[in-house]
Structure formats: C-alpha cells, structure tokens
Amino acid sequence: MGDTQAFSITDSVGSGGGWLKIGQSFRAYELSEYDSETETLTLVRDGREFEISLAGSKASPADPGSMDERMKEAGRLMELMNFEKMIDDSLEAQMNAMSDILRRQLAQASPDGKTDEEPIEFQAKAMRSMFSEIDWAPIEAGLTEAYAEVFSQEELAGMANFYTTPAGQASIEKMPEIQRKSMEVMMPAIMQASNKMQQEMTAFMKERTKRLQELNEEGEKLIEAAE
C-alpha cells in the first residue's frame, strides 16, 4: 500500500489477527522485518527468528499439478461454463449489437432517416450461416488443453469452484449481454479511429503514387538524355 506494508496472518486453525505492520505482534510473535525480494516475513519470539513466506509468493511456488490433473480440472471448468451455449449466446449478442450499429449507420446515411432492414437481415443471416459451419467440439478441446497448459491445478479448481456459485453462474449467463453492451460502447470509438486510419492511408497512397510518378518521369528524362 504505497510505502506502507501490512500483513494478514492466520494460524493453523484459521484464526487471524487482522492487518499488521512491522513492529506489531501476532499472538506472541513480533513482525521483525520483510524481504520484498524473497517475499519473506521474519517473526521473532523469545529471541528466536521464524521466516514465513507470503501465500502464493515466488519464494514457494505451488505445485502446478500433473497435466492429467490439470486437464481434468480444465474439462470440469469448460463443463461448468457450458462452453457451446456460452459461445452461441455470445455470438448471438454480438450479431445483435452489430445489427444495431448497422441500423444506426443506415439511418444516419438515409435522407429521410429511415432504415432499410434488408441489408441488416442479410448480414445477420450471413453471419449465422458462417458460424453454423464451425465445429465447436475441437475448439473446446483445444481451449481445454490451453487452459491446462497455462493455469495450475489449484487455479483451475478455484475458477471451477467459482462457477458453481450463484455469482459464477450469473457471470456466465450475463456475459453475452455485457459483451453486447461493450460493443455498443466501443464500436463508435473504433469506427471513428478506423475512419481516421482509412483517411490517413488514402492520403499516404496518394502521396506515394505521386512520388512514384515523379520518379518514373525523372527516370524517363535521364534515359532520354542518355540517348
């Protein structure tokens, strides 16, 4: 916390003493010093020093578990996330958001402010057709393996356990709506930046074409002079 360090310590039965600073005591143990390099806290009691490491510190890395164990936890995680339904809901939310954005663009471009729904319906139909061609099973298998390679068994178990809670299930169910709203918030800024980039690219290409033409003309003049 800035220049201040505080430590939460628990004993073997899980009872703690709140947040403590160097010089304060936990039970009969005084917090003597802290080594930020090794993330080790030194406690002193009756003249004896005891070193303890922070939970999850680099000084005592947790066993990541075997690949088989991690694959099992990753599989459980994907099952709890209901992968295929989550993907379907997310894609549907994104398509709806893109349709809304296109609808607003067409309305702004229309002289009477009316929207032609035909291109919107065609875009949605084309996207659904494209996504229907995707086999999600190997993708889920690949993502399961990716999770197992990146996260430890303990981390995967923690995520899976979260998704068994009401909050975890709510996060899965409501994520597509969050994605849709995120697109609505971000797309105008992205489109504005994209339009600016296209303008800069157009200007660059015009300038580049002009320079090439000038070089070609200079080259032709040199050839004529040499002849």
C-alpha atoms as a PDB file:
ATOM      1  CA  MET A   1       0.000   0.000   0.000  1.00  0.00           C
ATOM      2  CA  GLY A   2       2.320   2.732  -1.271  1.00  0.00           C
ATOM      3  CA  ASP A   3       5.259   2.893   1.124  1.00  0.00           C
ATOM      4  CA  THR A   4       3.317   1.031   3.810  1.00  0.00           C
ATOM      5  CA  GLN A   5       3.311  -2.745   4.115  1.00  0.00           C
ATOM      6  CA  ALA A   6       0.693  -4.664   6.063  1.00  0.00           C
ATOM      7  CA  PHE A   7       0.334  -8.394   6.569  1.00  0.00           C
ATOM      8  CA  SER A   8      -2.627 -10.635   7.310  1.00  0.00           C
ATOM      9  CA  ILE A   9      -1.528 -13.729   9.226  1.00  0.00           C
ATOM     10  CA  THR A  10      -3.579 -16.789  10.133  1.00  0.00           C
ATOM     11  CA  ASP A  11      -2.641 -19.722  12.317  1.00  0.00           C
ATOM     12  CA  SER A  12      -3.193 -23.422  11.706  1.00  0.00           C
ATOM     13  CA  VAL A  13      -6.833 -23.270  12.809  1.00  0.00           C
ATOM     14  CA  GLY A  14      -7.613 -20.360  10.530  1.00  0.00           C
ATOM     15  CA  SER A  15      -7.902 -17.552  13.077  1.00  0.00           C
ATOM     16  CA  GLY A  16      -6.137 -14.306  12.251  1.00  0.00           C
ATOM     17  CA  GLY A  17      -5.124 -11.051  13.801  1.00  0.00           C
ATOM     18  CA  GLY A  18      -6.168  -8.582  11.119  1.00  0.00           C
ATOM     19  CA  TRP A  19      -3.741  -6.389   9.219  1.00  0.00           C
ATOM     20  CA  LEU A  20      -0.409  -5.912  10.980  1.00  0.00           C
ATOM     21  CA  LYS A  21       2.654  -3.774  10.302  1.00  0.00           C
ATOM     22  CA  ILE A  22       6.312  -4.325  11.079  1.00  0.00           C
ATOM     23  CA  GLY A  23       6.836  -3.898  14.824  1.00  0.00           C
ATOM     24  CA  GLN A  24       3.372  -5.169  15.741  1.00  0.00           C
ATOM     25  CA  SER A  25       2.679  -8.646  17.065  1.00  0.00           C
ATOM     26  CA  PHE A  26       0.615 -11.679  16.089  1.00  0.00           C
ATOM     27  CA  ARG A  27      -0.035 -13.812  19.130  1.00  0.00           C
ATOM     28  CA  ALA A  28       3.395 -13.730  20.811  1.00  0.00           C
ATOM     29  CA  TYR A  29       5.293 -13.273  17.536  1.00  0.00           C
ATOM     30  CA  GLU A  30       6.629  -9.827  16.662  1.00  0.00           C
ATOM     31  CA  LEU A  31       6.794  -8.858  12.994  1.00  0.00           C
ATOM     32  CA  SER A  32      10.501  -8.054  12.684  1.00  0.00           C
ATOM     33  CA  GLU A  33      11.258  -7.420   9.014  1.00  0.00           C
ATOM     34  CA  TYR A  34      10.123  -8.173   5.480  1.00  0.00           C
ATOM     35  CA  ASP A  35      12.301  -9.087   2.486  1.00  0.00           C
ATOM     36  CA  SER A  36      10.447  -7.969  -0.653  1.00  0.00           C
ATOM     37  CA  GLU A  37      12.867  -9.846  -2.928  1.00  0.00           C
ATOM     38  CA  THR A  38      12.062 -13.247  -1.470  1.00  0.00           C
ATOM     39  CA  GLU A  39       8.631 -12.173  -0.128  1.00  0.00           C
ATOM     40  CA  THR A  40       9.637 -13.500   3.270  1.00  0.00           C
ATOM     41  CA  LEU A  41       8.390 -12.131   6.584  1.00  0.00           C
ATOM     42  CA  THR A  42      10.552 -12.622   9.700  1.00  0.00           C
ATOM     43  CA  LEU A  43       8.809 -13.167  13.038  1.00  0.00           C
ATOM     44  CA  VAL A  44      10.595 -13.070  16.392  1.00  0.00           C
ATOM     45  CA  ARG A  45       9.540 -14.846  19.583  1.00  0.00           C
ATOM     46  CA  ASP A  46      11.642 -15.297  22.698  1.00  0.00           C
ATOM     47  CA  GLY A  47      14.723 -14.219  20.785  1.00  0.00           C
ATOM     48  CA  ARG A  48      14.210 -16.813  18.042  1.00  0.00           C
ATOM     49  CA  GLU A  49      13.556 -15.890  14.413  1.00  0.00           C
ATOM     50  CA  PHE A  50      10.995 -17.609  12.218  1.00  0.00           C
ATOM     51  CA  GLU A  51      10.652 -16.964   8.488  1.00  0.00           C
ATOM     52  CA  ILE A  52       7.344 -17.376   6.671  1.00  0.00           C
ATOM     53  CA  SER A  53       6.568 -16.772   3.002  1.00  0.00           C
ATOM     54  CA  LEU A  54       3.586 -14.978   1.580  1.00  0.00           C
ATOM     55  CA  ALA A  55       0.839 -17.227   0.243  1.00  0.00           C
ATOM     56  CA  GLY A  56       1.414 -17.667  -3.491  1.00  0.00           C
ATOM     57  CA  SER A  57       4.816 -15.952  -3.329  1.00  0.00           C
ATOM     58  CA  LYS A  58       7.658 -16.628  -5.749  1.00  0.00           C
ATOM     59  CA  ALA A  59       9.661 -17.986  -2.846  1.00  0.00           C
ATOM     60  CA  SER A  60       7.432 -21.042  -2.530  1.00  0.00           C
ATOM     61  CA  PRO A  61       5.670 -21.696  -5.828  1.00  0.00           C
ATOM     62  CA  ALA A  62       2.700 -24.018  -5.628  1.00  0.00           C
ATOM     63  CA  ASP A  63       2.822 -27.388  -7.337  1.00  0.00           C
ATOM     64  CA  PRO A  64       1.035 -26.841 -10.673  1.00  0.00           C
ATOM     65  CA  GLY A  65      -0.144 -30.461 -10.699  1.00  0.00           C
ATOM     66  CA  SER A  66       0.301 -33.013 -13.441  1.00  0.00           C
ATOM     67  CA  MET A  67      -1.006 -32.397 -16.949  1.00  0.00           C
ATOM     68  CA  ASP A  68      -3.624 -35.127 -16.472  1.00  0.00           C
ATOM     69  CA  GLU A  69      -4.874 -33.435 -13.296  1.00  0.00           C
ATOM     70  CA  ARG A  70      -4.951 -30.036 -14.969  1.00  0.00           C
ATOM     71  CA  MET A  71      -6.796 -31.433 -17.993  1.00  0.00           C
ATOM     72  CA  LYS A  72      -9.387 -32.947 -15.672  1.00  0.00           C
ATOM     73  CA  GLU A  73      -9.913 -29.613 -13.887  1.00  0.00           C
ATOM     74  CA  ALA A  74      -9.947 -27.720 -17.199  1.00  0.00           C
ATOM     75  CA  GLY A  75     -12.581 -30.128 -18.517  1.00  0.00           C
ATOM     76  CA  ARG A  76     -14.697 -29.545 -15.416  1.00  0.00           C
ATOM     77  CA  LEU A  77     -14.286 -25.813 -15.902  1.00  0.00           C
ATOM     78  CA  MET A  78     -15.484 -25.997 -19.520  1.00  0.00           C
ATOM     79  CA  GLU A  79     -18.440 -28.115 -18.467  1.00  0.00           C
ATOM     80  CA  LEU A  80     -19.445 -25.631 -15.768  1.00  0.00           C
ATOM     81  CA  MET A  81     -19.047 -22.773 -18.236  1.00  0.00           C
ATOM     82  CA  ASN A  82     -21.348 -24.671 -20.651  1.00  0.00           C
ATOM     83  CA  PHE A  83     -18.922 -23.804 -23.428  1.00  0.00           C
ATOM     84  CA  GLU A  84     -21.080 -24.303 -26.538  1.00  0.00           C
ATOM     85  CA  LYS A  85     -24.090 -22.456 -25.095  1.00  0.00           C
ATOM     86  CA  MET A  86     -21.824 -19.663 -23.895  1.00  0.00           C
ATOM     87  CA  ILE A  87     -20.335 -19.320 -27.387  1.00  0.00           C
ATOM     88  CA  ASP A  88     -23.758 -19.425 -29.063  1.00  0.00           C
ATOM     89  CA  ASP A  89     -25.145 -16.775 -26.692  1.00  0.00           C
ATOM     90  CA  SER A  90     -22.050 -14.593 -27.109  1.00  0.00           C
ATOM     91  CA  LEU A  91     -22.188 -14.759 -30.904  1.00  0.00           C
ATOM     92  CA  GLU A  92     -25.904 -14.002 -30.907  1.00  0.00           C
ATOM     93  CA  ALA A  93     -25.313 -10.982 -28.662  1.00  0.00           C
ATOM     94  CA  GLN A  94     -22.507  -9.756 -30.924  1.00  0.00           C
ATOM     95  CA  MET A  95     -24.629 -10.177 -34.056  1.00  0.00           C
ATOM     96  CA  ASN A  96     -27.463  -8.234 -32.446  1.00  0.00           C
ATOM     97  CA  ALA A  97     -25.060  -5.476 -31.462  1.00  0.00           C
ATOM     98  CA  MET A  98     -23.627  -5.313 -34.995  1.00  0.00           C
ATOM     99  CA  SER A  99     -27.146  -5.174 -36.438  1.00  0.00           C
ATOM    100  CA  ASP A 100     -27.998  -2.272 -34.130  1.00  0.00           C
ATOM    101  CA  ILE A 101     -24.832  -0.434 -35.164  1.00  0.00           C
ATOM    102  CA  LEU A 102     -25.521  -1.002 -38.874  1.00  0.00           C
ATOM    103  CA  ARG A 103     -29.117   0.107 -38.391  1.00  0.00           C
ATOM    104  CA  ARG A 104     -27.976   3.398 -36.845  1.00  0.00           C
ATOM    105  CA  GLN A 105     -25.433   3.938 -39.637  1.00  0.00           C
ATOM    106  CA  LEU A 106     -28.027   3.359 -42.346  1.00  0.00           C
ATOM    107  CA  ALA A 107     -30.479   5.673 -40.605  1.00  0.00           C
ATOM    108  CA  GLN A 108     -27.856   8.435 -40.432  1.00  0.00           C
ATOM    109  CA  ALA A 109     -26.985   7.980 -44.113  1.00  0.00           C
ATOM    110  CA  SER A 110     -30.622   7.940 -45.234  1.00  0.00           C
ATOM    111  CA  PRO A 111     -32.089  11.319 -46.370  1.00  0.00           C
ATOM    112  CA  ASP A 112     -35.387  10.620 -44.618  1.00  0.00           C
ATOM    113  CA  GLY A 113     -33.812   8.931 -41.592  1.00  0.00           C
ATOM    114  CA  LYS A 114     -35.477   5.614 -42.392  1.00  0.00           C
ATOM    115  CA  THR A 115     -33.631   2.311 -42.220  1.00  0.00           C
ATOM    116  CA  ASP A 116     -33.562  -0.330 -44.920  1.00  0.00           C
ATOM    117  CA  GLU A 117     -33.786  -3.593 -42.973  1.00  0.00           C
ATOM    118  CA  GLU A 118     -32.824  -5.814 -45.916  1.00  0.00           C
ATOM    119  CA  PRO A 119     -29.016  -5.393 -45.616  1.00  0.00           C
ATOM    120  CA  ILE A 120     -29.294  -5.808 -41.846  1.00  0.00           C
ATOM    121  CA  GLU A 121     -31.207  -9.064 -42.239  1.00  0.00           C
ATOM    122  CA  PHE A 122     -28.741 -10.244 -44.886  1.00  0.00           C
ATOM    123  CA  GLN A 123     -25.762  -9.512 -42.613  1.00  0.00           C
ATOM    124  CA  ALA A 124     -27.329 -11.413 -39.706  1.00  0.00           C
ATOM    125  CA  LYS A 125     -28.263 -14.350 -41.968  1.00  0.00           C
ATOM    126  CA  ALA A 126     -24.767 -14.492 -43.487  1.00  0.00           C
ATOM    127  CA  MET A 127     -23.111 -14.437 -40.074  1.00  0.00           C
ATOM    128  CA  ARG A 128     -25.389 -17.174 -38.710  1.00  0.00           C
ATOM    129  CA  SER A 129     -24.643 -19.272 -41.786  1.00  0.00           C
ATOM    130  CA  MET A 130     -20.914 -18.753 -41.309  1.00  0.00           C
ATOM    131  CA  PHE A 131     -20.976 -19.683 -37.625  1.00  0.00           C
ATOM    132  CA  SER A 132     -23.172 -22.740 -38.303  1.00  0.00           C
ATOM    133  CA  GLU A 133     -20.307 -24.186 -40.348  1.00  0.00           C
ATOM    134  CA  ILE A 134     -17.962 -24.177 -37.346  1.00  0.00           C
ATOM    135  CA  ASP A 135     -17.466 -27.399 -35.401  1.00  0.00           C
ATOM    136  CA  TRP A 136     -17.055 -26.214 -31.812  1.00  0.00           C
ATOM    137  CA  ALA A 137     -16.036 -29.609 -30.364  1.00  0.00           C
ATOM    138  CA  PRO A 138     -12.355 -29.458 -31.450  1.00  0.00           C
ATOM    139  CA  ILE A 139     -12.249 -25.793 -30.442  1.00  0.00           C
ATOM    140  CA  GLU A 140     -13.479 -26.658 -26.967  1.00  0.00           C
ATOM    141  CA  ALA A 141     -10.898 -29.467 -26.777  1.00  0.00           C
ATOM    142  CA  GLY A 142      -8.159 -27.062 -27.850  1.00  0.00           C
ATOM    143  CA  LEU A 143      -9.199 -24.443 -25.312  1.00  0.00           C
ATOM    144  CA  THR A 144      -9.371 -27.083 -22.581  1.00  0.00           C
ATOM    145  CA  GLU A 145      -5.781 -28.034 -23.339  1.00  0.00           C
ATOM    146  CA  ALA A 146      -4.770 -24.355 -23.459  1.00  0.00           C
ATOM    147  CA  TYR A 147      -6.269 -23.744 -20.011  1.00  0.00           C
ATOM    148  CA  ALA A 148      -4.458 -26.827 -18.694  1.00  0.00           C
ATOM    149  CA  GLU A 149      -1.155 -25.582 -20.104  1.00  0.00           C
ATOM    150  CA  VAL A 150      -1.484 -22.033 -18.752  1.00  0.00           C
ATOM    151  CA  PHE A 151      -3.115 -22.494 -15.337  1.00  0.00           C
ATOM    152  CA  SER A 152      -2.135 -24.676 -12.396  1.00  0.00           C
ATOM    153  CA  GLN A 153      -4.451 -27.320 -10.990  1.00  0.00           C
ATOM    154  CA  GLU A 154      -5.187 -25.106  -7.984  1.00  0.00           C
ATOM    155  CA  GLU A 155      -6.025 -22.117 -10.193  1.00  0.00           C
ATOM    156  CA  LEU A 156      -8.300 -24.197 -12.417  1.00  0.00           C
ATOM    157  CA  ALA A 157     -10.042 -25.643  -9.378  1.00  0.00           C
ATOM    158  CA  GLY A 158     -10.530 -22.139  -7.994  1.00  0.00           C
ATOM    159  CA  MET A 159     -12.112 -20.925 -11.230  1.00  0.00           C
ATOM    160  CA  ALA A 160     -14.294 -24.021 -11.490  1.00  0.00           C
ATOM    161  CA  ASN A 161     -15.419 -23.632  -7.880  1.00  0.00           C
ATOM    162  CA  PHE A 162     -16.341 -20.015  -8.572  1.00  0.00           C
ATOM    163  CA  TYR A 163     -18.599 -21.092 -11.435  1.00  0.00           C
ATOM    164  CA  THR A 164     -20.502 -23.399  -9.070  1.00  0.00           C
ATOM    165  CA  THR A 165     -21.589 -20.357  -7.047  1.00  0.00           C
ATOM    166  CA  PRO A 166     -24.630 -18.184  -7.882  1.00  0.00           C
ATOM    167  CA  ALA A 167     -22.286 -15.316  -8.750  1.00  0.00           C
ATOM    168  CA  GLY A 168     -20.284 -17.565 -11.061  1.00  0.00           C
ATOM    169  CA  GLN A 169     -23.366 -18.827 -12.864  1.00  0.00           C
ATOM    170  CA  ALA A 170     -24.688 -15.282 -13.159  1.00  0.00           C
ATOM    171  CA  SER A 171     -21.408 -14.155 -14.725  1.00  0.00           C
ATOM    172  CA  ILE A 172     -21.765 -16.866 -17.391  1.00  0.00           C
ATOM    173  CA  GLU A 173     -25.428 -16.159 -18.079  1.00  0.00           C
ATOM    174  CA  LYS A 174     -24.994 -12.388 -18.245  1.00  0.00           C
ATOM    175  CA  MET A 175     -21.658 -12.267 -20.076  1.00  0.00           C
ATOM    176  CA  PRO A 176     -23.292 -12.165 -23.563  1.00  0.00           C
ATOM    177  CA  GLU A 177     -25.298  -9.107 -22.516  1.00  0.00           C
ATOM    178  CA  ILE A 178     -22.126  -7.472 -21.181  1.00  0.00           C
ATOM    179  CA  GLN A 179     -20.400  -8.227 -24.488  1.00  0.00           C
ATOM    180  CA  ARG A 180     -23.279  -6.719 -26.445  1.00  0.00           C
ATOM    181  CA  LYS A 181     -23.237  -3.552 -24.339  1.00  0.00           C
ATOM    182  CA  SER A 182     -19.438  -3.411 -24.563  1.00  0.00           C
ATOM    183  CA  MET A 183     -19.631  -3.484 -28.356  1.00  0.00           C
ATOM    184  CA  GLU A 184     -22.218  -0.713 -28.335  1.00  0.00           C
ATOM    185  CA  VAL A 185     -19.911   1.389 -26.172  1.00  0.00           C
ATOM    186  CA  MET A 186     -16.675   0.615 -28.032  1.00  0.00           C
ATOM    187  CA  MET A 187     -17.764   0.401 -31.671  1.00  0.00           C
ATOM    188  CA  PRO A 188     -18.361   4.154 -32.231  1.00  0.00           C
ATOM    189  CA  ALA A 189     -14.846   4.921 -30.974  1.00  0.00           C
ATOM    190  CA  ILE A 190     -13.372   2.056 -33.007  1.00  0.00           C
ATOM    191  CA  MET A 191     -15.202   3.170 -36.147  1.00  0.00           C
ATOM    192  CA  GLN A 192     -14.090   6.759 -35.655  1.00  0.00           C
ATOM    193  CA  ALA A 193     -10.483   5.615 -35.261  1.00  0.00           C
ATOM    194  CA  SER A 194     -10.897   3.313 -38.266  1.00  0.00           C
ATOM    195  CA  ASN A 195     -12.231   6.131 -40.432  1.00  0.00           C
ATOM    196  CA  LYS A 196      -9.282   8.303 -39.442  1.00  0.00           C
ATOM    197  CA  MET A 197      -6.879   5.474 -40.272  1.00  0.00           C
ATOM    198  CA  GLN A 198      -8.540   4.997 -43.685  1.00  0.00           C
ATOM    199  CA  GLN A 199      -8.216   8.704 -44.416  1.00  0.00           C
ATOM    200  CA  GLU A 200      -4.546   8.645 -43.451  1.00  0.00           C
ATOM    201  CA  MET A 201      -3.994   5.525 -45.567  1.00  0.00           C
ATOM    202  CA  THR A 202      -5.724   7.143 -48.557  1.00  0.00           C
ATOM    203  CA  ALA A 203      -3.577  10.254 -48.185  1.00  0.00           C
ATOM    204  CA  PHE A 204      -0.455   8.120 -47.881  1.00  0.00           C
ATOM    205  CA  MET A 205      -1.276   6.116 -51.013  1.00  0.00           C
ATOM    206  CA  LYS A 206      -1.958   9.298 -53.000  1.00  0.00           C
ATOM    207  CA  GLU A 207       1.357  10.777 -51.873  1.00  0.00           C
ATOM    208  CA  ARG A 208       3.143   7.507 -52.623  1.00  0.00           C
ATOM    209  CA  THR A 209       1.628   7.307 -56.122  1.00  0.00           C
ATOM    210  CA  LYS A 210       2.657  10.913 -56.732  1.00  0.00           C
ATOM    211  CA  ARG A 211       6.253  10.194 -55.666  1.00  0.00           C
ATOM    212  CA  LEU A 212       6.432   7.099 -57.869  1.00  0.00           C
ATOM    213  CA  GLN A 213       5.137   9.039 -60.848  1.00  0.00           C
ATOM    214  CA  GLU A 214       7.738  11.731 -60.230  1.00  0.00           C
ATOM    215  CA  LEU A 215      10.481   9.101 -60.011  1.00  0.00           C
ATOM    216  CA  ASN A 216       9.282   7.485 -63.236  1.00  0.00           C
ATOM    217  CA  GLU A 217       9.264  10.841 -65.000  1.00  0.00           C
ATOM    218  CA  GLU A 218      12.777  11.608 -63.758  1.00  0.00           C
ATOM    219  CA  GLY A 219      13.917   8.179 -64.918  1.00  0.00           C
ATOM    220  CA  GLU A 220      12.441   8.719 -68.390  1.00  0.00           C
ATOM    221  CA  LYS A 221      14.156  12.100 -68.638  1.00  0.00           C
ATOM    222  CA  LEU A 222      17.504  10.528 -67.708  1.00  0.00           C
ATOM    223  CA  ILE A 223      17.023   7.804 -70.315  1.00  0.00           C
ATOM    224  CA  GLU A 224      16.167  10.376 -72.965  1.00  0.00           C
ATOM    225  CA  ALA A 225      19.200  12.456 -72.028  1.00  0.00           C
ATOM    226  CA  ALA A 226      21.450   9.395 -72.217  1.00  0.00           C
ATOM    227  CA  GLU A 227      20.166   8.564 -75.682  1.00  0.00           C
END
